[in-house]
């Protein structure tokens, strides 16, 4: 499993990549491994507001249906429309083509509550035992 250094991570296994005042959000490699083959992703409409650690959508796999939690609060300014027709991108490239939403962050200080890569890696190791 990969854990890119430049991302911040949640306990629910979402990631956020900071791009100025925006955050690109998706699920981690660990999450997609746990879910198995992703068959459906439900995302909010652009313009919707998301709150930190509250559900913003749903991901469905052959194993389970799970809520998606936003790592930051703000306005959704873009969604990955390609996941509607090709949800398997989440499995193939969770940190690239499998991204889900871009949020215009209201409070970048919220990032301080998220895991850096080393802490997230340790969290996953503990959870995997």
C-alpha atoms as a PDB file:
ATOM      1  CA  UNK A   1       0.000   0.000   0.000  1.00  0.00           C
ATOM      2  CA  UNK A   2       1.113   3.505  -0.702  1.00  0.00           C
ATOM      3  CA  UNK A   3       0.797   6.580   1.496  1.00  0.00           C
ATOM      4  CA  UNK A   4       1.897   9.741  -0.336  1.00  0.00           C
ATOM      5  CA  UNK A   5       3.944  12.076   1.884  1.00  0.00           C
ATOM      6  CA  UNK A   6       2.227  15.313   0.835  1.00  0.00           C
ATOM      7  CA  UNK A   7      -1.283  14.265   1.908  1.00  0.00           C
ATOM      8  CA  UNK A   8      -3.174  14.541   5.195  1.00  0.00           C
ATOM      9  CA  UNK A   9      -5.283  11.580   6.340  1.00  0.00           C
ATOM     10  CA  UNK A  10      -8.395  10.880   8.443  1.00  0.00           C
ATOM     11  CA  UNK A  11      -9.231   7.996  10.789  1.00  0.00           C
ATOM     12  CA  UNK A  12     -11.975   7.084   8.319  1.00  0.00           C
ATOM     13  CA  UNK A  13      -9.328   6.612   5.592  1.00  0.00           C
ATOM     14  CA  UNK A  14      -9.925   9.665   3.443  1.00  0.00           C
ATOM     15  CA  UNK A  15      -7.079  11.871   2.256  1.00  0.00           C
ATOM     16  CA  UNK A  16      -6.810  15.527   1.371  1.00  0.00           C
ATOM     17  CA  UNK A  17      -4.210  17.168  -0.845  1.00  0.00           C
ATOM     18  CA  UNK A  18      -3.863  20.872  -0.157  1.00  0.00           C
ATOM     19  CA  UNK A  19      -3.774  23.011  -3.325  1.00  0.00           C
ATOM     20  CA  UNK A  20      -3.702  26.638  -2.131  1.00  0.00           C
ATOM     21  CA  UNK A  21      -7.033  27.257  -0.383  1.00  0.00           C
ATOM     22  CA  UNK A  22      -8.502  24.108  -1.909  1.00  0.00           C
ATOM     23  CA  UNK A  23      -8.423  20.500  -0.813  1.00  0.00           C
ATOM     24  CA  UNK A  24      -8.640  17.587  -3.240  1.00  0.00           C
ATOM     25  CA  UNK A  25     -10.278  14.641  -1.423  1.00  0.00           C
ATOM     26  CA  UNK A  26     -10.399  10.896  -1.977  1.00  0.00           C
ATOM     27  CA  UNK A  27     -10.112   7.564  -0.193  1.00  0.00           C
ATOM     28  CA  UNK A  28      -6.809   5.966   0.696  1.00  0.00           C
ATOM     29  CA  UNK A  29      -5.174   2.937  -0.850  1.00  0.00           C
ATOM     30  CA  UNK A  30      -5.891   1.104   2.411  1.00  0.00           C
ATOM     31  CA  UNK A  31      -9.616   1.971   2.174  1.00  0.00           C
ATOM     32  CA  UNK A  32      -9.986   0.766  -1.396  1.00  0.00           C
ATOM     33  CA  UNK A  33      -8.175  -2.492  -0.480  1.00  0.00           C
ATOM     34  CA  UNK A  34     -10.585  -3.029   2.423  1.00  0.00           C
ATOM     35  CA  UNK A  35     -13.626  -2.244   0.280  1.00  0.00           C
ATOM     36  CA  UNK A  36     -12.726  -4.459  -2.650  1.00  0.00           C
ATOM     37  CA  UNK A  37     -14.026  -3.683  -6.132  1.00  0.00           C
ATOM     38  CA  UNK A  38     -15.781  -0.308  -6.097  1.00  0.00           C
ATOM     39  CA  UNK A  39     -18.988  -0.419  -8.162  1.00  0.00           C
ATOM     40  CA  UNK A  40     -20.667   2.903  -7.328  1.00  0.00           C
ATOM     41  CA  UNK A  41     -19.764   6.342  -5.955  1.00  0.00           C
ATOM     42  CA  UNK A  42     -22.318   8.994  -4.951  1.00  0.00           C
ATOM     43  CA  UNK A  43     -20.896  12.513  -4.678  1.00  0.00           C
ATOM     44  CA  UNK A  44     -22.428  15.873  -3.744  1.00  0.00           C
ATOM     45  CA  UNK A  45     -23.302  18.465  -6.349  1.00  0.00           C
ATOM     46  CA  UNK A  46     -20.841  21.313  -6.936  1.00  0.00           C
ATOM     47  CA  UNK A  47     -21.865  24.209  -4.717  1.00  0.00           C
ATOM     48  CA  UNK A  48     -22.820  21.950  -1.795  1.00  0.00           C
ATOM     49  CA  UNK A  49     -21.233  22.630   1.566  1.00  0.00           C
ATOM     50  CA  UNK A  50     -19.437  19.867   3.436  1.00  0.00           C
ATOM     51  CA  UNK A  51     -18.475  19.805   7.104  1.00  0.00           C
ATOM     52  CA  UNK A  52     -15.342  18.315   8.544  1.00  0.00           C
ATOM     53  CA  UNK A  53     -15.832  14.664   9.507  1.00  0.00           C
ATOM     54  CA  UNK A  54     -19.423  14.549   8.274  1.00  0.00           C
ATOM     55  CA  UNK A  55     -20.580  12.393   5.345  1.00  0.00           C
ATOM     56  CA  UNK A  56     -20.381  13.954   1.886  1.00  0.00           C
ATOM     57  CA  UNK A  57     -21.213  10.904  -0.187  1.00  0.00           C
ATOM     58  CA  UNK A  58     -21.373   7.138  -0.432  1.00  0.00           C
ATOM     59  CA  UNK A  59     -19.047   4.497  -1.835  1.00  0.00           C
ATOM     60  CA  UNK A  60     -20.335   1.042  -2.686  1.00  0.00           C
ATOM     61  CA  UNK A  61     -18.224  -2.024  -3.329  1.00  0.00           C
ATOM     62  CA  UNK A  62     -18.901  -5.700  -3.826  1.00  0.00           C
ATOM     63  CA  UNK A  63     -18.369  -6.068  -0.039  1.00  0.00           C
ATOM     64  CA  UNK A  64     -20.016  -3.036   1.576  1.00  0.00           C
ATOM     65  CA  UNK A  65     -21.663   0.370   1.353  1.00  0.00           C
ATOM     66  CA  UNK A  66     -19.813   3.086   3.289  1.00  0.00           C
ATOM     67  CA  UNK A  67     -20.177   6.789   3.929  1.00  0.00           C
ATOM     68  CA  UNK A  68     -17.458   9.126   2.695  1.00  0.00           C
ATOM     69  CA  UNK A  69     -16.327  11.690   5.285  1.00  0.00           C
ATOM     70  CA  UNK A  70     -14.920  15.099   4.456  1.00  0.00           C
ATOM     71  CA  UNK A  71     -11.537  15.859   6.025  1.00  0.00           C
ATOM     72  CA  UNK A  72     -12.263  19.617   5.845  1.00  0.00           C
ATOM     73  CA  UNK A  73     -15.217  22.014   5.830  1.00  0.00           C
ATOM     74  CA  UNK A  74     -16.057  24.134   2.812  1.00  0.00           C
ATOM     75  CA  UNK A  75     -17.786  24.474  -0.514  1.00  0.00           C
ATOM     76  CA  UNK A  76     -17.542  21.708  -3.104  1.00  0.00           C
ATOM     77  CA  UNK A  77     -16.234  23.428  -6.221  1.00  0.00           C
ATOM     78  CA  UNK A  78     -15.629  20.357  -8.367  1.00  0.00           C
ATOM     79  CA  UNK A  79     -16.483  16.662  -8.386  1.00  0.00           C
ATOM     80  CA  UNK A  80     -14.842  13.834 -10.304  1.00  0.00           C
ATOM     81  CA  UNK A  81     -17.653  13.205 -12.801  1.00  0.00           C
ATOM     82  CA  UNK A  82     -15.710  10.339 -14.393  1.00  0.00           C
ATOM     83  CA  UNK A  83     -16.364   8.163 -11.315  1.00  0.00           C
ATOM     84  CA  UNK A  84     -20.040   7.929 -12.276  1.00  0.00           C
ATOM     85  CA  UNK A  85     -19.187   5.832 -15.341  1.00  0.00           C
ATOM     86  CA  UNK A  86     -15.907   4.379 -14.062  1.00  0.00           C
ATOM     87  CA  UNK A  87     -15.999   3.942 -10.257  1.00  0.00           C
ATOM     88  CA  UNK A  88     -13.213   1.359 -10.570  1.00  0.00           C
ATOM     89  CA  UNK A  89     -10.775   4.294 -10.883  1.00  0.00           C
ATOM     90  CA  UNK A  90     -10.916   4.427  -7.075  1.00  0.00           C
ATOM     91  CA  UNK A  91      -9.317   0.957  -6.997  1.00  0.00           C
ATOM     92  CA  UNK A  92      -6.844   1.541  -9.811  1.00  0.00           C
ATOM     93  CA  UNK A  93      -5.566   4.983  -8.789  1.00  0.00           C
ATOM     94  CA  UNK A  94      -6.987   6.192  -5.441  1.00  0.00           C
ATOM     95  CA  UNK A  95      -4.586   9.159  -5.220  1.00  0.00           C
ATOM     96  CA  UNK A  96      -4.814  10.169  -8.874  1.00  0.00           C
ATOM     97  CA  UNK A  97      -7.746   9.509 -11.222  1.00  0.00           C
ATOM     98  CA  UNK A  98      -9.792   8.175  -8.293  1.00  0.00           C
ATOM     99  CA  UNK A  99     -10.050  11.531  -6.475  1.00  0.00           C
ATOM    100  CA  UNK A 100     -13.604  12.486  -5.538  1.00  0.00           C
ATOM    101  CA  UNK A 101     -14.183  16.152  -4.708  1.00  0.00           C
ATOM    102  CA  UNK A 102     -12.370  19.481  -4.510  1.00  0.00           C
ATOM    103  CA  UNK A 103     -13.369  21.663  -1.571  1.00  0.00           C
ATOM    104  CA  UNK A 104     -12.721  25.365  -1.155  1.00  0.00           C
ATOM    105  CA  UNK A 105     -11.630  25.212   2.476  1.00  0.00           C
ATOM    106  CA  UNK A 106     -13.280  27.506   5.012  1.00  0.00           C
ATOM    107  CA  UNK A 107     -10.682  26.971   7.750  1.00  0.00           C
ATOM    108  CA  UNK A 108      -7.250  25.608   6.760  1.00  0.00           C
ATOM    109  CA  UNK A 109      -6.483  25.203  10.502  1.00  0.00           C
ATOM    110  CA  UNK A 110      -8.731  22.106  10.367  1.00  0.00           C
ATOM    111  CA  UNK A 111      -5.835  20.373   8.612  1.00  0.00           C
ATOM    112  CA  UNK A 112      -3.936  20.399  11.924  1.00  0.00           C
ATOM    113  CA  UNK A 113      -6.298  17.718  13.280  1.00  0.00           C
ATOM    114  CA  UNK A 114      -5.483  15.261  10.491  1.00  0.00           C
ATOM    115  CA  UNK A 115      -2.770  12.617  10.353  1.00  0.00           C
ATOM    116  CA  UNK A 116       0.539  13.277   8.655  1.00  0.00           C
ATOM    117  CA  UNK A 117       1.816  10.303   6.658  1.00  0.00           C
ATOM    118  CA  UNK A 118       3.839   8.623   9.435  1.00  0.00           C
ATOM    119  CA  UNK A 119       1.005   8.850  11.960  1.00  0.00           C
ATOM    120  CA  UNK A 120      -1.484   7.511   9.417  1.00  0.00           C
ATOM    121  CA  UNK A 121       0.794   4.605   8.498  1.00  0.00           C
ATOM    122  CA  UNK A 122       1.068   3.697  12.181  1.00  0.00           C
ATOM    123  CA  UNK A 123      -2.722   4.002  12.601  1.00  0.00           C
ATOM    124  CA  UNK A 124      -3.307   1.616   9.671  1.00  0.00           C
ATOM    125  CA  UNK A 125      -0.778  -0.864  11.077  1.00  0.00           C
ATOM    126  CA  UNK A 126      -2.572  -0.843  14.440  1.00  0.00           C
ATOM    127  CA  UNK A 127      -5.993  -1.196  12.808  1.00  0.00           C
ATOM    128  CA  UNK A 128      -4.776  -4.094  10.656  1.00  0.00           C
ATOM    129  CA  UNK A 129      -3.734  -6.241  13.639  1.00  0.00           C
END
